[in-house]
């Protein structure tokens, strides 16, 4: 009888500690979701900036094409900017997919069908994803500022006669 009592007490402690662990992991998940949400806001702002720079690049390219004797270095710079903007567009689309995948996990993560080990792994993956998203967004921001500065110089150059 004592064995059953000890086993039932042990089982109760085990289930209670698992519930506490599961609750703590749920709370951690919700924190990651909030972080992902803030990254999504930054992402959307970066998309707006990206589109603005992309439009400026198209305008500058057209302006340079209209000038009879266009500086080949300026055209090369604009083409480099266009390629970089295309790469950024692809990166922004991939990052949006990662952000959306975090939101899709909520029902699964909050259910009891996922084990504690799976929850912990999912949180590690989300943390790595969020770090990558933040790093990529910072990289894109830096690149956009560089493109804007270079294009401002190109806009202010006098055409050579």
C-alpha atoms as a PDB file:
ATOM      1  CA  UNK A   1       0.000   0.000   0.000  1.00  0.00           C
ATOM      2  CA  UNK A   2       2.858   2.372   0.837  1.00  0.00           C
ATOM      3  CA  UNK A   3       4.390   1.650  -2.559  1.00  0.00           C
ATOM      4  CA  UNK A   4       1.203   2.742  -4.308  1.00  0.00           C
ATOM      5  CA  UNK A   5       0.985   5.852  -2.184  1.00  0.00           C
ATOM      6  CA  UNK A   6       4.627   6.755  -2.892  1.00  0.00           C
ATOM      7  CA  UNK A   7       4.146   6.068  -6.608  1.00  0.00           C
ATOM      8  CA  UNK A   8       0.991   8.162  -6.776  1.00  0.00           C
ATOM      9  CA  UNK A   9       2.693  11.049  -4.939  1.00  0.00           C
ATOM     10  CA  UNK A  10       5.664  10.780  -7.277  1.00  0.00           C
ATOM     11  CA  UNK A  11       3.372  10.704 -10.334  1.00  0.00           C
ATOM     12  CA  UNK A  12       1.473  13.747  -9.052  1.00  0.00           C
ATOM     13  CA  UNK A  13       4.711  15.666  -8.549  1.00  0.00           C
ATOM     14  CA  UNK A  14       5.906  14.622 -11.994  1.00  0.00           C
ATOM     15  CA  UNK A  15       2.679  15.704 -13.716  1.00  0.00           C
ATOM     16  CA  UNK A  16       2.579  18.952 -11.755  1.00  0.00           C
ATOM     17  CA  UNK A  17       6.160  19.799 -12.659  1.00  0.00           C
ATOM     18  CA  UNK A  18       5.440  18.991 -16.323  1.00  0.00           C
ATOM     19  CA  UNK A  19       2.450  21.332 -16.215  1.00  0.00           C
ATOM     20  CA  UNK A  20       4.640  24.070 -14.714  1.00  0.00           C
ATOM     21  CA  UNK A  21       7.260  23.477 -17.382  1.00  0.00           C
ATOM     22  CA  UNK A  22       4.618  23.486 -20.101  1.00  0.00           C
ATOM     23  CA  UNK A  23       3.139  26.732 -18.737  1.00  0.00           C
ATOM     24  CA  UNK A  24       6.576  28.340 -18.607  1.00  0.00           C
ATOM     25  CA  UNK A  25       7.214  27.278 -22.204  1.00  0.00           C
ATOM     26  CA  UNK A  26       3.820  28.643 -23.254  1.00  0.00           C
ATOM     27  CA  UNK A  27       4.771  31.957 -21.641  1.00  0.00           C
ATOM     28  CA  UNK A  28       8.144  31.905 -23.421  1.00  0.00           C
ATOM     29  CA  UNK A  29       6.366  31.223 -26.689  1.00  0.00           C
ATOM     30  CA  UNK A  30       4.075  34.206 -26.164  1.00  0.00           C
ATOM     31  CA  UNK A  31       7.126  36.411 -25.561  1.00  0.00           C
ATOM     32  CA  UNK A  32       8.634  35.197 -28.830  1.00  0.00           C
ATOM     33  CA  UNK A  33       5.359  35.936 -30.586  1.00  0.00           C
ATOM     34  CA  UNK A  34       5.474  39.513 -29.266  1.00  0.00           C
ATOM     35  CA  UNK A  35       9.084  39.799 -30.478  1.00  0.00           C
ATOM     36  CA  UNK A  36       8.054  38.405 -33.858  1.00  0.00           C
ATOM     37  CA  UNK A  37       5.198  40.919 -33.991  1.00  0.00           C
ATOM     38  CA  UNK A  38       7.624  43.781 -33.400  1.00  0.00           C
ATOM     39  CA  UNK A  39       9.903  42.366 -36.096  1.00  0.00           C
ATOM     40  CA  UNK A  40       6.900  42.249 -38.414  1.00  0.00           C
ATOM     41  CA  UNK A  41       6.301  45.972 -37.819  1.00  0.00           C
ATOM     42  CA  UNK A  42       9.954  46.685 -38.632  1.00  0.00           C
ATOM     43  CA  UNK A  43       9.674  44.411 -41.666  1.00  0.00           C
ATOM     44  CA  UNK A  44       6.650  46.303 -42.972  1.00  0.00           C
ATOM     45  CA  UNK A  45       8.447  49.629 -42.484  1.00  0.00           C
ATOM     46  CA  UNK A  46      11.456  48.211 -44.320  1.00  0.00           C
ATOM     47  CA  UNK A  47       9.194  47.115 -47.206  1.00  0.00           C
ATOM     48  CA  UNK A  48       7.863  50.677 -47.479  1.00  0.00           C
ATOM     49  CA  UNK A  49      11.403  52.115 -47.470  1.00  0.00           C
ATOM     50  CA  UNK A  50      12.515  49.495 -49.964  1.00  0.00           C
ATOM     51  CA  UNK A  51       9.684  50.362 -52.348  1.00  0.00           C
ATOM     52  CA  UNK A  52      10.458  54.082 -52.059  1.00  0.00           C
ATOM     53  CA  UNK A  53      14.137  53.533 -52.885  1.00  0.00           C
ATOM     54  CA  UNK A  54      13.145  51.198 -55.700  1.00  0.00           C
ATOM     55  CA  UNK A  55      10.912  53.904 -57.201  1.00  0.00           C
ATOM     56  CA  UNK A  56      13.710  56.479 -56.858  1.00  0.00           C
ATOM     57  CA  UNK A  57      16.079  54.075 -58.590  1.00  0.00           C
ATOM     58  CA  UNK A  58      13.686  53.639 -61.506  1.00  0.00           C
ATOM     59  CA  UNK A  59      13.286  57.419 -61.783  1.00  0.00           C
ATOM     60  CA  UNK A  60      17.040  57.981 -61.678  1.00  0.00           C
ATOM     61  CA  UNK A  61      17.603  55.254 -64.262  1.00  0.00           C
ATOM     62  CA  UNK A  62      15.106  56.883 -66.611  1.00  0.00           C
ATOM     63  CA  UNK A  63      16.701  60.288 -66.035  1.00  0.00           C
ATOM     64  CA  UNK A  64      20.141  58.923 -66.854  1.00  0.00           C
ATOM     65  CA  UNK A  65      18.836  57.216 -69.996  1.00  0.00           C
ATOM     66  CA  UNK A  66      17.378  60.520 -71.188  1.00  0.00           C
ATOM     67  CA  UNK A  67      20.693  62.351 -70.895  1.00  0.00           C
ATOM     68  CA  UNK A  68      22.572  62.127 -74.188  1.00  0.00           C
ATOM     69  CA  UNK A  69      26.020  61.518 -72.787  1.00  0.00           C
ATOM     70  CA  UNK A  70      25.388  59.478 -69.702  1.00  0.00           C
ATOM     71  CA  UNK A  71      28.220  58.697 -67.370  1.00  0.00           C
ATOM     72  CA  UNK A  72      28.769  54.939 -67.678  1.00  0.00           C
ATOM     73  CA  UNK A  73      29.886  54.787 -64.039  1.00  0.00           C
ATOM     74  CA  UNK A  74      26.577  56.319 -62.936  1.00  0.00           C
ATOM     75  CA  UNK A  75      24.621  53.794 -64.997  1.00  0.00           C
ATOM     76  CA  UNK A  76      26.705  50.965 -63.528  1.00  0.00           C
ATOM     77  CA  UNK A  77      25.918  52.248 -60.028  1.00  0.00           C
ATOM     78  CA  UNK A  78      22.202  52.363 -60.785  1.00  0.00           C
ATOM     79  CA  UNK A  79      22.306  48.842 -62.209  1.00  0.00           C
ATOM     80  CA  UNK A  80      24.136  47.668 -59.078  1.00  0.00           C
ATOM     81  CA  UNK A  81      21.420  49.309 -56.985  1.00  0.00           C
ATOM     82  CA  UNK A  82      18.712  47.606 -59.003  1.00  0.00           C
ATOM     83  CA  UNK A  83      20.316  44.186 -58.486  1.00  0.00           C
ATOM     84  CA  UNK A  84      20.688  44.823 -54.761  1.00  0.00           C
ATOM     85  CA  UNK A  85      17.064  45.940 -54.523  1.00  0.00           C
ATOM     86  CA  UNK A  86      15.956  42.779 -56.320  1.00  0.00           C
ATOM     87  CA  UNK A  87      17.915  40.651 -53.816  1.00  0.00           C
ATOM     88  CA  UNK A  88      16.408  42.624 -50.948  1.00  0.00           C
ATOM     89  CA  UNK A  89      12.929  42.062 -52.331  1.00  0.00           C
ATOM     90  CA  UNK A  90      13.535  38.303 -52.337  1.00  0.00           C
ATOM     91  CA  UNK A  91      14.955  38.437 -48.812  1.00  0.00           C
ATOM     92  CA  UNK A  92      12.000  40.473 -47.549  1.00  0.00           C
ATOM     93  CA  UNK A  93       9.605  37.903 -49.023  1.00  0.00           C
ATOM     94  CA  UNK A  94      11.468  35.041 -47.300  1.00  0.00           C
ATOM     95  CA  UNK A  95      11.483  36.893 -43.982  1.00  0.00           C
ATOM     96  CA  UNK A  96       7.739  37.507 -44.291  1.00  0.00           C
ATOM     97  CA  UNK A  97       7.273  33.758 -44.720  1.00  0.00           C
ATOM     98  CA  UNK A  98       9.244  33.031 -41.557  1.00  0.00           C
ATOM     99  CA  UNK A  99       7.255  35.629 -39.620  1.00  0.00           C
ATOM    100  CA  UNK A 100       3.989  34.129 -40.823  1.00  0.00           C
ATOM    101  CA  UNK A 101       5.157  30.608 -39.907  1.00  0.00           C
ATOM    102  CA  UNK A 102       5.581  31.717 -36.285  1.00  0.00           C
ATOM    103  CA  UNK A 103       1.958  32.815 -36.132  1.00  0.00           C
ATOM    104  CA  UNK A 104       0.784  29.544 -37.677  1.00  0.00           C
ATOM    105  CA  UNK A 105       2.413  27.561 -34.858  1.00  0.00           C
ATOM    106  CA  UNK A 106       0.290  29.079 -32.101  1.00  0.00           C
ATOM    107  CA  UNK A 107      -2.537  26.503 -32.047  1.00  0.00           C
ATOM    108  CA  UNK A 108      -0.104  23.606 -32.270  1.00  0.00           C
ATOM    109  CA  UNK A 109       2.237  25.065 -29.665  1.00  0.00           C
ATOM    110  CA  UNK A 110      -0.520  25.831 -27.178  1.00  0.00           C
ATOM    111  CA  UNK A 111      -2.083  22.372 -27.510  1.00  0.00           C
ATOM    112  CA  UNK A 112      -1.219  19.354 -25.419  1.00  0.00           C
ATOM    113  CA  UNK A 113      -0.249  17.363 -28.497  1.00  0.00           C
ATOM    114  CA  UNK A 114       3.272  18.783 -28.493  1.00  0.00           C
ATOM    115  CA  UNK A 115       5.832  17.387 -26.067  1.00  0.00           C
ATOM    116  CA  UNK A 116       7.943  19.539 -23.779  1.00  0.00           C
ATOM    117  CA  UNK A 117      11.052  18.580 -25.764  1.00  0.00           C
ATOM    118  CA  UNK A 118       9.348  19.653 -29.008  1.00  0.00           C
ATOM    119  CA  UNK A 119       8.282  22.904 -27.366  1.00  0.00           C
ATOM    120  CA  UNK A 120      11.826  23.632 -26.249  1.00  0.00           C
ATOM    121  CA  UNK A 121      13.183  22.882 -29.728  1.00  0.00           C
ATOM    122  CA  UNK A 122      10.518  25.046 -31.342  1.00  0.00           C
ATOM    123  CA  UNK A 123      11.454  27.944 -29.050  1.00  0.00           C
ATOM    124  CA  UNK A 124      15.131  27.551 -29.952  1.00  0.00           C
ATOM    125  CA  UNK A 125      14.213  27.577 -33.631  1.00  0.00           C
ATOM    126  CA  UNK A 126      12.045  30.667 -33.187  1.00  0.00           C
ATOM    127  CA  UNK A 127      14.827  32.452 -31.329  1.00  0.00           C
ATOM    128  CA  UNK A 128      17.294  31.661 -34.112  1.00  0.00           C
ATOM    129  CA  UNK A 129      14.759  32.789 -36.724  1.00  0.00           C
ATOM    130  CA  UNK A 130      14.093  36.058 -34.899  1.00  0.00           C
ATOM    131  CA  UNK A 131      17.811  36.761 -34.604  1.00  0.00           C
ATOM    132  CA  UNK A 132      18.258  36.099 -38.317  1.00  0.00           C
ATOM    133  CA  UNK A 133      15.272  38.285 -39.200  1.00  0.00           C
ATOM    134  CA  UNK A 134      16.596  41.153 -37.072  1.00  0.00           C
ATOM    135  CA  UNK A 135      20.083  40.841 -38.582  1.00  0.00           C
ATOM    136  CA  UNK A 136      18.746  40.720 -42.142  1.00  0.00           C
ATOM    137  CA  UNK A 137      16.471  43.723 -41.555  1.00  0.00           C
ATOM    138  CA  UNK A 138      19.406  45.703 -40.152  1.00  0.00           C
ATOM    139  CA  UNK A 139      21.492  44.715 -43.174  1.00  0.00           C
ATOM    140  CA  UNK A 140      18.745  45.828 -45.564  1.00  0.00           C
ATOM    141  CA  UNK A 141      18.348  49.106 -43.672  1.00  0.00           C
ATOM    142  CA  UNK A 142      22.073  49.801 -43.997  1.00  0.00           C
ATOM    143  CA  UNK A 143      22.037  48.914 -47.697  1.00  0.00           C
ATOM    144  CA  UNK A 144      19.044  51.176 -48.336  1.00  0.00           C
ATOM    145  CA  UNK A 145      20.771  54.097 -46.634  1.00  0.00           C
ATOM    146  CA  UNK A 146      23.875  53.503 -48.760  1.00  0.00           C
ATOM    147  CA  UNK A 147      21.824  53.333 -51.959  1.00  0.00           C
ATOM    148  CA  UNK A 148      19.951  56.509 -51.031  1.00  0.00           C
ATOM    149  CA  UNK A 149      23.219  58.356 -50.334  1.00  0.00           C
ATOM    150  CA  UNK A 150      24.815  57.187 -53.576  1.00  0.00           C
ATOM    151  CA  UNK A 151      21.728  58.094 -55.583  1.00  0.00           C
ATOM    152  CA  UNK A 152      21.573  61.521 -53.996  1.00  0.00           C
ATOM    153  CA  UNK A 153      25.123  62.115 -55.239  1.00  0.00           C
ATOM    154  CA  UNK A 154      24.146  60.895 -58.712  1.00  0.00           C
ATOM    155  CA  UNK A 155      21.085  63.163 -58.792  1.00  0.00           C
ATOM    156  CA  UNK A 156      23.168  66.193 -57.882  1.00  0.00           C
ATOM    157  CA  UNK A 157      25.863  65.599 -60.492  1.00  0.00           C
ATOM    158  CA  UNK A 158      25.885  67.961 -63.420  1.00  0.00           C
ATOM    159  CA  UNK A 159      25.677  66.241 -66.791  1.00  0.00           C
ATOM    160  CA  UNK A 160      28.981  66.368 -68.638  1.00  0.00           C
ATOM    161  CA  UNK A 161      28.964  68.200 -71.973  1.00  0.00           C
END
